Amino acid sequence: MYVSVCILAINAGYQIIESQTMGYPEIQSRLKPNYAVGCSMVSKSSVYYKTMTEPNVTLHTDPITEISENAILTETGTRIKPDVSQYLNTKVFNHGINFR
């Protein structure tokens, strides 16, 4: 029973992502969770995922190693100077990220 509910929840989440990012398969694959439902929630917003397809939005999915007042540094060495940063996963506090 529990497995069936999880599969339904995963499929529903995927449908939300796919409907809002239609025509952007790379973004879809980066937004779809690769972990069990319950670890993090899929947004039910009618615009959240669609925002990721806007030309002025860049989706970074590399692990973060450092956050400073000027930039975010990723594990691949990318330095991001964001206008706005939204980090939804609270695991950031458990993985040795340096805040400066």
Foldseek 3Di string as FASTA:
>chain_A
DVVVVQVVQLVVLLVLLCVLQPPPVVLSVLPRDPDTPPQAHRDPDNCPNNVCPDPVHDDDDADWAEAEPQFTAGPVGDTGRDPDDDDRHPCNVVPNHYYD
